[in-house]
Structures are given as C-alpha cells and as structure tokens.
C-alpha cells in the first residue's frame, strides 16, 4: 500500500527487512496446521520527512492467537559490519488499549513481526486478520488485511533430535545472580521454556562445568549439578540439583538430555573442572591440571558414572540420555580419544555416546560410532550410509552450506529443515543457544552490544536469544527461522505418512530444484511455496479420513 505519506508492505516472515532494503510483497498465502505457528510481517515507512508514532492494534478471531513484536536492529562488527534485523521486541501495551506503539521514520523501513499460533482444537477455515495503525488522535493511518488458512489436521510432534547448547552459566553471569540461586533457577526455566517452544527437545546438562569454549588454563563460571564429597578415598554424590534440573526440563517440554562432556574439547587431553568437597573445603580436584586418562580421574569416573547411571534410571531418563567424550577430536587425538571412550563405554555400556566429529577418517577407525559431522563435511558420511547420523554447523561453515549468520538470507537458515528430511538425518546440533562470553570465555559480554563473541565469530553464531532485563529471553529472527525449519520437517513427515517418502522427495526436488547440502535456492519464495504445498496436500488428503 502506497500513499502520499506512507509505504506499507505485507511481507513474508522469511524476508529480512532492514531500513534501506526494499521489501517485497508476500508471494504465498499464510497457512498452518493445528498446533502450529507461522508468521508474517508488516513493513512501513514514511515517504516524506518528519516522524510519527503509530499505535498498533489487531482485529482477529480469538480462535487463533496473534502475537505482535517489532523487529529491532542488532549490531555486527564481524565479518560484515552493520546493523541487521534480528531482535524481536515485545510491544508495550498502552493505557488506551493498543498493543503498543512504534515510531515511523522517514525513508527507513520498520517492521512488525506477527505470529499466528493455533492450538490442537481450533476449527479449520480461513481467519481474517487486520493490522491497524492509528495516530495519537485515534485516526486511522493505515490498515493491512490478510488471512490465515487453518487446516484441521494436527502437526505431529517432532522425532528429530534438536539441541542448541544451553549455557546456564552465562545466564548467571549476565544477570549477576549466584549459580543455582532461586533467581537463577527462575531465569534458567524461562530460557528452557523458550527453547522447548521453539523446537528444541534435547538439552545440554551441566553435570560438570562445560569443558567447552574455554582457554587452556582458563575457567568458566562453575556450574555443577552434582555435589561431590571425598572422604577417605570414597566419593559421595548428591544428585538433588540434577533431579531438580530434569524435573524442570520435563515440565518445560524437554524430552532428551545430553550430559556435559567428560573430557576437554578438541581431543580429551584433560579432565573437566570438577569441584569436590575435601576436608570441608570446596576444591577444584580435577581440571586443566589433570590428564584425561590419569589414574586419579579414572578412579573418580569408576565411582561416579555407575552412581550417575543409577540416578538416571531412577529419574526415568536413562533411555533418553546421551553422553559426550570430547568435542571435535582430530586424527592426532585418536589414541587419547580411544582411551577416554573405552573408560566411559565400560562403565556406561547402555548409553549412546555422540560427539561432533567432522573427520571421516577418524570415524572409519571405529573410535566414534555416533558422529555428528559438520554440514560442509557430511558427504562421505552420507555416501557411506552412516546410521543415526546428525549434523551441525557453526562459525566454520561459511561456504555454500546452510547457516544462520546475520548477513545470510533467512532461506539459508530455514533450508536445514528440508535438508534434514531429504537426507533422513536423526538430529541437529549447534553450540550456541545463549553463549554470552567472548571467545574462549575470557570475559562475559553484553549480547545487545556484541553479537560476534568479541569479533571472533560471524555475528549471530554465539546465540539465538537475548537476555531481557526481566529475566525472560528475547527471541531472534534467526530462532524463528529455525523453529519454522523444524516445523517443516514435522509437516513433511506427516505428508509422508499420508502418502510415501518418494512422493515427498519428488515435491522437495521439484520446488527446491533438487537441493543438496550445498546447493539450494537462496531466495525466499521456494521454501514458502514448499510449506504451502505440503499444507495444501495434507488438507486435500485428510478430507474424509480419520487419520489425525
């Protein structure tokens, strides 16, 4: 909509809208299933000079839940400096009954992000939605009208493991609260709820302080769910904090747990930091000063891991728990890794051990039978039909593969869903749900100001949520793209259940031009078309069938 005063555009959720980027009209109708979430955007700017405030309200049927937020800009210093649309900021309701107000500025776009959510009982049909902007006098400035088609079929639960490493220590650091104080627990729960709502079903669990992203000889804030006491060579374990963690996670919707790594990153050379009460004093009994395969640490694991196994069985999560040895070992670490893994396997024979592992030659040695290769090194693993295969990406994946940096198009984040489905992957891992430290955890940072771990990683790599002042996570544009990607997987698997895998793969190849892990459309429309067509076929096939 264009007038002599305003330019207003109904845009897709997948389109990044920055102040000086010309938005395009949404090319695909909005549709969703029961228990689903989708979104669209309204971009707006003044066409002349001056400033105006717009009061926002929504008119929509109460059967669909509408959540409106403003897309805010976040700074990037590395590798492409600039301000990028990323943070989704809640509007502040006004006394006049508006959802909130936003400032329109001359010749720069501002946008609203509008979630459309359904529960599992909503009736099917087409639901009109109006986004109305009024001035301070209550006069209409403009109205944007659209509609959402609700297909009366429930979106099934996901069965792909999805973990974004959760850094509870960073929450304690940022909010300046003691670890595992009641305030810390409240904040952690807020962030876990967000993770679960946005498709994460697996959570990194700090039985010990994470031996991750820490400078050799350095230290992260201690966060250890297991209290340990040493008395005359015998260890005593208090698992009450772990029990509370598991209960909290389950209440939030987390179903799977990955215990924090039992050895240091990049090769298992050292033990993680382990705090033990010795003679009444808290002591860092193991850490950088302890060789990973030392007799002292082995003796500790021989007492600790069986006790932990018993606790996991009592908690009812033993069949939903993964263990890690060391993150991304290389061939030069092979013998050390094998020794470390042998210790753990003998003590925990019933648990899967998974590790980020990109080196296919390392996998071929048999030292790690549940590898998680990076998506730019996954081809040999796919070609050799490695079972139970996951994938991951991080700052090192800067080529044509999918990723979610600030300066990448949103299609490069959302495509991971179709890729996971096409290659029948079992899981996805990323290291940064909320990493608020500089590289190697040398110091904490403010993620509202620093989005690249202090110019170490591509902006957007270290975290998906921002820590708002009230202890709640502020979601990012990239988090919502990941949520859509994993909802895409669930919809594709539902269509497969109603047809067959060959039919779904043919649809993906047709609309996404036979995508691979490195070759796929970078524009917004193909993925939007794919999800719309999947929903449409589910709708047609469900009529007259008691299948869902």
Protein backbone atom coordinates (compact mmCIF):
# COMPACT_ATOMS: atom_id res chain seq x y z
CA UNK A 1 0.00 0.00 0.00
CA UNK A 2 1.40 3.37 -1.02
CA UNK A 3 0.06 6.80 -0.21
CA UNK A 4 1.48 10.29 -0.31
CA UNK A 5 2.56 9.74 3.30
CA UNK A 6 3.17 6.04 3.98
CA UNK A 7 4.56 2.99 2.26
CA UNK A 8 3.23 -0.21 3.84
CA UNK A 9 4.04 -3.72 2.64
CA UNK A 10 2.67 -7.09 3.72
CA UNK A 11 5.78 -9.25 3.65
CA UNK A 12 6.57 -12.87 4.44
CA UNK A 13 8.19 -13.79 7.74
CA UNK A 14 11.14 -15.16 5.84
CA UNK A 15 12.12 -11.82 4.36
CA UNK A 16 14.70 -9.78 6.23
CA UNK A 17 13.61 -6.16 6.38
CA UNK A 18 16.31 -3.61 7.11
CA UNK A 19 15.87 0.17 6.99
CA UNK A 20 17.32 0.56 3.50
CA UNK A 21 16.23 -2.78 1.96
CA UNK A 22 13.15 -2.64 -0.24
CA UNK A 23 10.69 -5.29 0.99
CA UNK A 24 8.67 -7.43 -1.39
CA UNK A 25 5.01 -8.35 -1.06
CA UNK A 26 4.36 -11.76 0.48
CA UNK A 27 4.14 -14.13 -2.53
CA UNK A 28 2.45 -17.03 -0.73
CA UNK A 29 -0.79 -17.22 1.31
CA UNK A 30 -0.48 -17.83 5.03
CA UNK A 31 -1.48 -21.34 6.10
CA UNK A 32 -0.86 -23.53 9.13
CA UNK A 33 -1.98 -26.74 10.79
CA UNK A 34 -3.41 -27.29 14.26
CA UNK A 35 -0.77 -26.86 16.96
CA UNK A 36 1.33 -24.92 14.51
CA UNK A 37 2.90 -21.46 14.30
CA UNK A 38 3.56 -19.29 11.30
CA UNK A 39 4.16 -15.59 10.85
CA UNK A 40 4.13 -12.63 8.51
CA UNK A 41 5.49 -9.09 8.64
CA UNK A 42 4.20 -5.61 8.05
CA UNK A 43 6.89 -3.22 6.82
CA UNK A 44 6.23 0.51 6.97
CA UNK A 45 7.94 3.84 6.47
CA UNK A 46 7.19 7.50 5.99
CA UNK A 47 7.68 8.69 2.43
CA UNK A 48 8.45 12.27 3.47
CA UNK A 49 10.47 13.89 6.21
CA UNK A 50 9.36 14.05 9.82
CA UNK A 51 8.42 11.47 12.47
CA UNK A 52 5.14 9.93 13.54
CA UNK A 53 4.03 7.45 16.17
CA UNK A 54 1.72 4.64 15.16
CA UNK A 55 -0.49 2.92 17.73
CA UNK A 56 -0.98 -0.72 16.78
CA UNK A 57 -3.99 -2.95 17.26
CA UNK A 58 -5.12 -6.26 15.82
CA UNK A 59 -8.53 -7.50 14.78
CA UNK A 60 -8.72 -11.28 14.52
CA UNK A 61 -10.81 -14.22 15.66
CA UNK A 62 -9.87 -15.35 19.17
CA UNK A 63 -9.58 -18.92 17.88
CA UNK A 64 -6.14 -18.02 16.55
CA UNK A 65 -3.56 -16.44 18.82
CA UNK A 66 -1.82 -13.37 17.42
CA UNK A 67 1.46 -12.14 18.92
CA UNK A 68 2.90 -8.86 17.62
CA UNK A 69 6.51 -7.75 18.06
CA UNK A 70 8.77 -5.17 16.48
CA UNK A 71 11.85 -6.30 14.59
CA UNK A 72 14.82 -4.44 16.06
CA UNK A 73 18.28 -3.94 14.63
CA UNK A 74 21.32 -5.61 16.17
CA UNK A 75 24.94 -4.56 15.63
CA UNK A 76 27.58 -6.64 13.88
CA UNK A 77 31.30 -5.91 13.88
CA UNK A 78 32.45 -9.12 12.24
CA UNK A 79 32.74 -10.12 9.44
CA UNK A 80 30.36 -7.66 7.73
CA UNK A 81 29.86 -4.61 9.94
CA UNK A 82 26.41 -3.11 10.06
CA UNK A 83 23.00 -3.14 11.68
CA UNK A 84 20.86 -6.18 10.93
CA UNK A 85 17.20 -7.01 11.64
CA UNK A 86 17.24 -9.71 14.30
CA UNK A 87 15.81 -8.99 17.74
CA UNK A 88 12.05 -9.41 18.20
CA UNK A 89 10.99 -6.88 20.81
CA UNK A 90 7.67 -7.15 22.65
CA UNK A 91 5.38 -4.16 22.26
CA UNK A 92 4.37 -2.34 25.43
CA UNK A 93 0.60 -2.10 25.77
CA UNK A 94 -0.79 1.40 26.21
CA UNK A 95 -3.46 2.69 28.56
CA UNK A 96 -5.64 3.37 25.54
CA UNK A 97 -5.85 -0.36 24.82
CA UNK A 98 -3.37 -0.58 21.96
CA UNK A 99 -0.90 -3.46 21.77
CA UNK A 100 1.83 -0.85 21.62
CA UNK A 101 3.24 1.95 19.55
CA UNK A 102 6.11 2.19 17.12
CA UNK A 103 7.91 5.14 15.67
CA UNK A 104 7.76 5.68 11.92
CA UNK A 105 10.80 7.39 10.50
CA UNK A 106 11.38 8.98 7.11
CA UNK A 107 12.55 6.77 4.27
CA UNK A 108 13.58 3.89 6.54
CA UNK A 109 11.52 0.76 6.94
CA UNK A 110 10.44 -0.52 10.32
CA UNK A 111 8.62 -3.82 10.55
CA UNK A 112 6.24 -5.72 12.78
CA UNK A 113 6.63 -9.46 13.21
CA UNK A 114 3.22 -11.11 13.63
CA UNK A 115 2.99 -14.68 14.89
CA UNK A 116 -0.13 -16.70 14.18
CA UNK A 117 -0.48 -19.63 16.57
CA UNK A 118 -3.10 -22.37 16.76
CA UNK A 119 -3.93 -24.98 19.37
CA UNK A 120 -4.90 -28.56 18.58
CA UNK A 121 -8.66 -27.90 18.83
CA UNK A 122 -9.05 -24.90 16.53
CA UNK A 123 -11.61 -25.29 13.78
CA UNK A 124 -10.41 -25.37 10.22
CA UNK A 125 -11.15 -22.44 7.97
CA UNK A 126 -9.94 -19.07 6.81
CA UNK A 127 -9.36 -16.47 9.51
CA UNK A 128 -9.17 -12.77 8.54
CA UNK A 129 -6.50 -10.70 10.29
CA UNK A 130 -6.30 -6.90 10.34
CA UNK A 131 -3.27 -4.92 11.47
CA UNK A 132 -4.40 -1.37 12.19
CA UNK A 133 -2.26 1.68 12.82
CA UNK A 134 -3.79 4.79 14.35
CA UNK A 135 -2.28 8.14 15.17
CA UNK A 136 -2.23 9.83 18.56
CA UNK A 137 -5.72 11.22 17.96
CA UNK A 138 -7.14 7.78 17.21
CA UNK A 139 -7.44 8.41 13.49
CA UNK A 140 -6.59 5.54 11.15
CA UNK A 141 -3.21 5.86 9.46
CA UNK A 142 -3.41 2.60 7.53
CA UNK A 143 -4.79 -0.93 7.75
CA UNK A 144 -3.23 -4.10 6.42
CA UNK A 145 -5.55 -7.03 5.82
CA UNK A 146 -4.61 -10.65 5.30
CA UNK A 147 -5.93 -14.06 6.23
CA UNK A 148 -4.61 -17.31 7.61
CA UNK A 149 -5.94 -20.65 6.46
CA UNK A 150 -6.08 -23.20 9.27
CA UNK A 151 -6.02 -26.81 8.12
CA UNK A 152 -7.84 -29.02 10.68
CA UNK A 153 -5.04 -31.54 10.98
CA UNK A 154 -2.67 -31.69 13.97
CA UNK A 155 1.01 -31.05 13.33
CA UNK A 156 2.66 -34.13 14.87
CA UNK A 157 5.42 -33.97 17.45
CA UNK A 158 8.93 -33.93 16.10
CA UNK A 159 11.15 -37.01 16.18
CA UNK A 160 14.43 -35.37 15.12
CA UNK A 161 16.83 -34.63 17.97
CA UNK A 162 17.46 -30.90 18.19
CA UNK A 163 19.93 -29.37 20.63
CA UNK A 164 21.26 -25.83 20.79
CA UNK A 165 23.82 -25.90 23.57
CA UNK A 166 22.35 -24.25 26.63
CA UNK A 167 24.80 -22.20 28.71
CA UNK A 168 23.23 -21.77 32.14
CA UNK A 169 26.48 -20.28 33.47
CA UNK A 170 26.15 -17.39 31.03
CA UNK A 171 22.73 -16.58 32.48
CA UNK A 172 24.19 -16.37 35.97
CA UNK A 173 26.98 -14.14 34.69
CA UNK A 174 24.76 -11.80 32.71
CA UNK A 175 22.12 -11.34 35.39
CA UNK A 176 24.74 -11.28 38.16
CA UNK A 177 22.98 -13.87 40.30
CA UNK A 178 24.53 -16.80 42.18
CA UNK A 179 24.53 -20.10 40.29
CA UNK A 180 21.52 -22.21 41.30
CA UNK A 181 20.06 -19.49 43.47
CA UNK A 182 16.27 -19.35 43.27
CA UNK A 183 16.51 -16.36 40.93
CA UNK A 184 18.91 -18.26 38.70
CA UNK A 185 16.55 -21.25 38.57
CA UNK A 186 13.68 -18.95 37.56
CA UNK A 187 15.73 -17.40 34.76
CA UNK A 188 17.00 -20.77 33.54
CA UNK A 189 13.44 -22.10 33.41
CA UNK A 190 12.32 -19.09 31.36
CA UNK A 191 15.03 -19.78 28.79
CA UNK A 192 14.41 -23.55 28.73
CA UNK A 193 10.69 -22.93 28.11
CA UNK A 194 11.63 -20.77 25.15
CA UNK A 195 13.98 -23.41 23.77
CA UNK A 196 11.32 -26.12 24.03
CA UNK A 197 8.63 -23.93 22.50
CA UNK A 198 10.87 -23.27 19.51
CA UNK A 199 11.55 -26.90 18.70
CA UNK A 200 14.46 -27.95 20.89
CA UNK A 201 13.83 -31.32 22.52
CA UNK A 202 17.35 -32.09 23.81
CA UNK A 203 19.25 -30.08 26.40
CA UNK A 204 22.92 -29.92 27.37
CA UNK A 205 23.03 -30.69 31.10
CA UNK A 206 25.91 -29.41 33.27
CA UNK A 207 26.75 -32.36 35.48
CA UNK A 208 30.12 -30.57 35.46
CA UNK A 209 31.12 -27.12 34.23
CA UNK A 210 31.21 -27.32 30.46
CA UNK A 211 34.76 -28.04 29.18
CA UNK A 212 33.80 -26.06 26.08
CA UNK A 213 34.97 -22.78 24.57
CA UNK A 214 37.43 -22.17 27.38
CA UNK A 215 41.04 -21.08 27.02
CA UNK A 216 43.56 -23.70 28.11
CA UNK A 217 44.29 -22.89 31.73
CA UNK A 218 41.28 -20.59 31.89
CA UNK A 219 37.95 -21.10 33.59
CA UNK A 220 34.26 -20.55 33.06
CA UNK A 221 31.89 -19.81 35.91
CA UNK A 222 31.42 -23.02 37.87
CA UNK A 223 28.09 -24.69 37.23
CA UNK A 224 27.91 -28.25 38.51
CA UNK A 225 24.65 -30.09 39.12
CA UNK A 226 26.31 -32.90 41.10
CA UNK A 227 27.60 -32.15 44.58
CA UNK A 228 30.60 -34.33 45.42
CA UNK A 229 32.35 -35.10 48.67
CA UNK A 230 35.56 -37.10 49.10
CA UNK A 231 36.10 -38.96 52.35
CA UNK A 232 39.00 -41.41 52.79
CA UNK A 233 39.18 -42.20 49.10
CA UNK A 234 35.45 -42.74 48.72
CA UNK A 235 33.29 -40.29 46.79
CA UNK A 236 29.80 -39.37 47.89
CA UNK A 237 27.37 -37.89 45.35
CA UNK A 238 24.37 -35.64 45.89
CA UNK A 239 22.14 -35.63 42.82
CA UNK A 240 19.37 -33.39 44.19
CA UNK A 241 20.20 -30.49 41.86
CA UNK A 242 20.27 -32.83 38.87
CA UNK A 243 16.88 -34.20 39.90
CA UNK A 244 15.51 -30.65 40.04
CA UNK A 245 17.03 -29.86 36.63
CA UNK A 246 15.44 -32.89 34.99
CA UNK A 247 12.05 -32.20 36.56
CA UNK A 248 12.18 -28.56 35.41
CA UNK A 249 13.21 -29.53 31.89
CA UNK A 250 10.45 -32.10 31.56
CA UNK A 251 7.85 -29.61 32.73
CA UNK A 252 9.10 -27.22 30.04
CA UNK A 253 8.83 -29.87 27.30
CA UNK A 254 12.39 -31.19 27.06
CA UNK A 255 12.43 -34.95 26.47
CA UNK A 256 16.11 -35.77 25.91
CA UNK A 257 19.28 -34.96 27.82
CA UNK A 258 22.94 -34.79 26.83
CA UNK A 259 25.35 -34.89 29.72
CA UNK A 260 28.14 -32.33 29.50
CA UNK A 261 31.43 -33.59 28.09
CA UNK A 262 33.51 -35.85 30.31
CA UNK A 263 36.80 -34.61 28.82
CA UNK A 264 38.18 -31.37 27.44
CA UNK A 265 37.35 -30.05 23.98
CA UNK A 266 39.38 -30.93 20.89
CA UNK A 267 40.94 -34.20 21.93
CA UNK A 268 40.11 -35.31 25.50
CA UNK A 269 43.55 -34.34 26.79
CA UNK A 270 42.31 -33.09 30.15
CA UNK A 271 39.56 -33.69 32.68
CA UNK A 272 36.76 -31.13 33.01
CA UNK A 273 36.64 -28.85 36.01
CA UNK A 274 35.21 -30.89 38.88
CA UNK A 275 34.59 -29.30 42.26
CA UNK A 276 34.80 -31.67 45.22
CA UNK A 277 34.44 -31.07 48.94
CA UNK A 278 37.66 -32.29 50.57
CA UNK A 279 38.10 -31.90 54.33
CA UNK A 280 35.24 -29.43 54.36
CA UNK A 281 36.69 -27.22 51.63
CA UNK A 282 35.47 -26.79 48.05
CA UNK A 283 38.39 -27.85 45.85
CA UNK A 284 38.93 -27.99 42.11
CA UNK A 285 40.06 -31.57 42.29
CA UNK A 286 40.20 -32.10 38.52
CA UNK A 287 40.70 -29.69 35.64
CA UNK A 288 43.45 -28.45 33.34
CA UNK A 289 46.00 -29.86 35.78
CA UNK A 290 44.57 -33.37 35.31
CA UNK A 291 45.38 -35.58 32.34
CA UNK A 292 42.18 -37.02 30.90
CA UNK A 293 43.34 -40.62 31.23
CA UNK A 294 45.15 -40.19 34.54
CA UNK A 295 44.66 -42.88 37.15
CA UNK A 296 43.14 -40.33 39.54
CA UNK A 297 40.43 -39.24 37.11
CA UNK A 298 39.77 -42.85 36.04
CA UNK A 299 39.29 -43.83 39.68
CA UNK A 300 36.82 -40.97 40.06
CA UNK A 301 34.84 -41.99 36.96
CA UNK A 302 34.72 -45.59 38.17
CA UNK A 303 32.77 -44.40 41.19
CA UNK A 304 30.87 -41.53 39.60
CA UNK A 305 29.49 -42.99 36.37
CA UNK A 306 27.81 -46.05 37.91
CA UNK A 307 26.22 -43.77 40.51
CA UNK A 308 25.06 -41.41 37.77
CA UNK A 309 23.69 -44.34 35.77
CA UNK A 310 21.61 -45.45 38.75
CA UNK A 311 20.31 -41.90 39.20
CA UNK A 312 19.35 -41.52 35.54
CA UNK A 313 17.42 -44.79 35.76
CA UNK A 314 15.62 -43.61 38.89
CA UNK A 315 14.72 -40.37 37.12
CA UNK A 316 13.36 -42.36 34.17
CA UNK A 317 15.58 -40.74 31.56
CA UNK A 318 18.24 -43.39 31.01
CA UNK A 319 16.77 -44.24 27.60
CA UNK A 320 16.70 -40.57 26.63
CA UNK A 321 20.23 -39.60 27.61
CA UNK A 322 23.39 -39.10 25.55
CA UNK A 323 26.97 -38.80 26.71
CA UNK A 324 29.88 -36.88 25.19
CA UNK A 325 33.61 -37.60 25.33
CA UNK A 326 35.25 -34.63 23.59
CA UNK A 327 34.08 -32.07 21.07
CA UNK A 328 35.64 -32.31 17.56
CA UNK A 329 38.67 -34.57 18.07
CA UNK A 330 41.10 -34.93 15.15
CA UNK A 331 43.33 -37.76 13.98
CA UNK A 332 46.20 -36.51 16.12
CA UNK A 333 43.93 -37.08 19.14
CA UNK A 334 42.88 -40.60 18.12
CA UNK A 335 44.72 -42.65 20.72
CA UNK A 336 43.82 -40.29 23.56
CA UNK A 337 40.17 -40.26 22.48
CA UNK A 338 40.04 -44.06 22.23
CA UNK A 339 41.43 -44.45 25.75
CA UNK A 340 38.95 -41.94 27.15
CA UNK A 341 36.00 -43.50 25.35
CA UNK A 342 36.97 -47.02 26.46
CA UNK A 343 36.80 -45.91 30.09
CA UNK A 344 33.31 -44.48 29.63
CA UNK A 345 31.95 -47.31 27.45
CA UNK A 346 32.93 -49.92 30.03
CA UNK A 347 31.12 -48.02 32.76
CA UNK A 348 28.10 -46.92 30.67
CA UNK A 349 27.52 -49.73 28.15
CA UNK A 350 23.84 -48.92 27.64
CA UNK A 351 24.17 -45.26 26.63
CA UNK A 352 24.85 -43.77 23.20
CA UNK A 353 27.98 -41.64 23.03
CA UNK A 354 27.78 -38.82 20.50
CA UNK A 355 30.38 -36.25 19.52
CA UNK A 356 30.83 -33.54 16.94
CA UNK A 357 33.23 -35.24 14.54
CA UNK A 358 33.99 -33.96 11.07
CA UNK A 359 36.97 -36.17 10.16
CA UNK A 360 35.64 -39.21 8.23
CA UNK A 361 38.99 -40.99 8.55
CA UNK A 362 38.61 -40.73 12.33
CA UNK A 363 35.14 -42.28 12.09
CA UNK A 364 36.48 -45.13 9.99
CA UNK A 365 38.76 -46.17 12.85
CA UNK A 366 35.67 -47.12 14.86
CA UNK A 367 36.65 -44.81 17.73
CA UNK A 368 33.35 -42.91 17.48
CA UNK A 369 30.31 -44.74 16.14
CA UNK A 370 27.80 -41.89 16.62
CA UNK A 371 29.49 -38.97 14.84
CA UNK A 372 27.96 -35.53 14.28
CA UNK A 373 29.78 -34.13 11.22
CA UNK A 374 29.58 -30.50 10.16
CA UNK A 375 27.27 -29.95 7.20
CA UNK A 376 30.18 -28.95 4.95
CA UNK A 377 31.93 -32.28 5.62
CA UNK A 378 28.93 -34.59 5.73
CA UNK A 379 29.10 -36.01 2.19
CA UNK A 380 31.33 -39.05 2.91
CA UNK A 381 29.17 -39.90 5.92
CA UNK A 382 26.06 -39.77 3.72
CA UNK A 383 27.68 -41.74 0.93
CA UNK A 384 28.58 -44.50 3.36
CA UNK A 385 25.13 -44.63 4.98
CA UNK A 386 26.39 -43.92 8.49
CA UNK A 387 23.48 -44.84 10.81
CA UNK A 388 21.85 -42.44 13.29
CA UNK A 389 23.59 -39.52 11.61
CA UNK A 390 23.24 -35.98 12.95
CA UNK A 391 24.78 -32.81 11.58
CA UNK A 392 25.83 -29.43 12.91
CA UNK A 393 27.15 -26.09 11.76
CA UNK A 394 28.91 -23.19 13.44
CA UNK A 395 31.28 -20.37 12.56
CA UNK A 396 33.47 -22.58 10.36
CA UNK A 397 30.69 -23.24 7.86
CA UNK A 398 30.95 -20.08 5.73
CA UNK A 399 30.71 -21.64 2.26
CA UNK A 400 27.57 -22.54 0.31
CA UNK A 401 26.12 -24.70 3.09
CA UNK A 402 23.23 -23.59 5.27
CA UNK A 403 23.87 -21.38 8.29
CA UNK A 404 22.20 -18.54 10.18
CA UNK A 405 24.61 -15.63 10.41
CA UNK A 406 23.23 -12.08 10.47
CA UNK A 407 24.46 -11.38 6.96
CA UNK A 408 22.94 -14.54 5.42
CA UNK A 409 19.50 -14.70 3.88
CA UNK A 410 16.88 -16.36 6.05
CA UNK A 411 16.41 -19.13 3.47
CA UNK A 412 19.93 -20.29 4.36
CA UNK A 413 18.71 -20.89 7.91
CA UNK A 414 15.33 -22.42 7.10
CA UNK A 415 16.64 -24.80 4.40
CA UNK A 416 18.15 -27.04 7.10
CA UNK A 417 14.68 -28.48 7.68
CA UNK A 418 14.26 -29.74 4.12
CA UNK A 419 17.87 -30.95 4.13
CA UNK A 420 17.41 -32.94 7.34
CA UNK A 421 14.30 -34.54 5.89
CA UNK A 422 15.81 -35.31 2.48
CA UNK A 423 18.90 -36.97 3.96
CA UNK A 424 16.93 -38.64 6.75
CA UNK A 425 19.16 -37.23 9.48
CA UNK A 426 18.48 -38.15 13.09
CA UNK A 427 19.46 -34.89 14.72
CA UNK A 428 20.89 -31.38 14.59
CA UNK A 429 23.33 -29.70 16.98
CA UNK A 430 24.53 -26.15 17.37
CA UNK A 431 26.85 -24.86 20.05
CA UNK A 432 25.18 -21.54 20.80
CA UNK A 433 21.67 -21.05 22.17
CA UNK A 434 22.86 -18.40 24.63
CA UNK A 435 26.64 -18.09 24.74
CA UNK A 436 27.29 -14.63 26.20
CA UNK A 437 31.09 -14.81 26.53
CA UNK A 438 33.97 -13.72 24.36
CA UNK A 439 35.86 -16.43 22.50
CA UNK A 440 37.39 -18.97 24.92
CA UNK A 441 35.26 -17.45 27.71
CA UNK A 442 37.93 -14.90 28.55
CA UNK A 443 35.26 -12.44 29.67
CA UNK A 444 31.46 -12.05 29.65
CA UNK A 445 29.94 -9.78 27.03
CA UNK A 446 26.69 -7.86 26.57
CA UNK A 447 24.90 -9.58 23.65
CA UNK A 448 22.89 -6.44 22.93
CA UNK A 449 26.17 -4.76 22.02
CA UNK A 450 28.42 -7.66 20.95
CA UNK A 451 26.98 -10.35 18.70
CA UNK A 452 30.18 -12.00 17.49
CA UNK A 453 31.94 -13.15 20.71
CA UNK A 454 34.11 -10.02 20.59
CA UNK A 455 34.91 -10.16 16.86
CA UNK A 456 35.76 -13.87 16.97
CA UNK A 457 32.78 -15.46 15.21
CA UNK A 458 30.39 -14.36 12.48
CA UNK A 459 27.68 -12.19 14.04
CA UNK A 460 24.76 -14.33 15.08
CA UNK A 461 26.73 -17.50 15.68
CA UNK A 462 27.02 -17.43 19.50
CA UNK A 463 23.33 -17.12 20.46
CA UNK A 464 19.71 -17.25 19.33
CA UNK A 465 18.12 -15.33 22.21
CA UNK A 466 18.85 -12.08 24.00
CA UNK A 467 18.62 -11.74 27.81
CA UNK A 468 15.97 -9.11 28.51
CA UNK A 469 16.07 -7.13 31.79
CA UNK A 470 13.14 -9.06 33.27
CA UNK A 471 14.87 -12.43 33.12
CA UNK A 472 12.99 -13.55 30.03
CA UNK A 473 14.59 -14.40 26.69
CA UNK A 474 14.02 -12.03 23.81
CA UNK A 475 13.71 -14.13 20.69
CA UNK A 476 15.59 -13.50 17.48
CA UNK A 477 14.57 -13.59 13.86
CA UNK A 478 17.01 -16.48 13.39
CA UNK A 479 15.42 -18.51 16.20
CA UNK A 480 12.05 -18.26 14.46
CA UNK A 481 13.63 -19.41 11.20
CA UNK A 482 14.97 -22.48 13.00
CA UNK A 483 11.56 -23.09 14.52
CA UNK A 484 9.98 -22.95 11.07
CA UNK A 485 12.65 -25.31 9.71
CA UNK A 486 11.84 -27.96 12.28
CA UNK A 487 8.11 -27.49 11.84
CA UNK A 488 8.74 -28.02 8.13
CA UNK A 489 10.27 -31.42 8.99
CA UNK A 490 7.21 -32.37 11.02
CA UNK A 491 4.86 -31.37 8.21
CA UNK A 492 6.94 -33.23 5.62
CA UNK A 493 6.87 -36.37 7.77
CA UNK A 494 3.10 -36.05 8.17
CA UNK A 495 2.70 -35.85 4.41
CA UNK A 496 4.96 -38.88 4.07
CA UNK A 497 2.70 -40.78 6.48
CA UNK A 498 -0.28 -39.89 4.31
CA UNK A 499 1.48 -40.74 1.02
CA UNK A 500 5.02 -42.14 0.91
CA UNK A 501 8.60 -40.89 1.13
CA UNK A 502 9.12 -40.96 -2.64
CA UNK A 503 6.20 -38.57 -3.17
CA UNK A 504 7.54 -36.09 -0.64
CA UNK A 505 11.07 -36.21 -2.01
CA UNK A 506 9.75 -35.55 -5.51
CA UNK A 507 7.89 -32.50 -4.20
CA UNK A 508 11.04 -31.20 -2.50
CA UNK A 509 13.12 -31.73 -5.63
CA UNK A 510 10.51 -30.01 -7.79
CA UNK A 511 10.06 -26.89 -5.66
CA UNK A 512 13.62 -26.58 -4.33
CA UNK A 513 15.40 -27.58 -7.55
CA UNK A 514 16.87 -30.86 -6.25
CA UNK A 515 18.56 -29.35 -3.20
CA UNK A 516 21.73 -30.75 -1.67
CA UNK A 517 23.60 -29.73 1.47
CA UNK A 518 25.46 -27.09 -0.52
CA UNK A 519 23.21 -26.28 -3.50
CA UNK A 520 19.71 -24.94 -2.87
CA UNK A 521 17.63 -21.81 -3.60
CA UNK A 522 18.74 -18.74 -1.66
CA UNK A 523 15.55 -16.76 -2.34
CA UNK A 524 12.55 -16.74 -0.04
CA UNK A 525 9.75 -17.96 -2.28
CA UNK A 526 10.72 -21.63 -2.92
CA UNK A 527 10.65 -22.59 0.76
CA UNK A 528 7.43 -20.66 1.31
CA UNK A 529 5.92 -22.49 -1.66
CA UNK A 530 7.10 -25.84 -0.37
CA UNK A 531 5.46 -25.46 3.03
CA UNK A 532 2.28 -24.08 1.48
CA UNK A 533 2.06 -27.00 -0.96
CA UNK A 534 2.74 -29.52 1.83
CA UNK A 535 -0.07 -28.00 3.89
CA UNK A 536 -2.37 -27.98 0.87
CA UNK A 537 -1.76 -31.65 0.09
CA UNK A 538 -2.30 -32.58 3.75
CA UNK A 539 -5.58 -30.70 3.63
CA UNK A 540 -6.77 -32.48 0.49
CA UNK A 541 -5.68 -35.92 1.68
CA UNK A 542 -7.20 -35.54 5.13
CA UNK A 543 -10.74 -34.91 3.93
CA UNK A 544 -12.93 -37.84 4.85
CA UNK A 545 -10.10 -39.65 6.65
CA UNK A 546 -9.88 -40.27 10.36
CA UNK A 547 -6.07 -40.11 10.28
CA UNK A 548 -5.17 -37.31 12.54
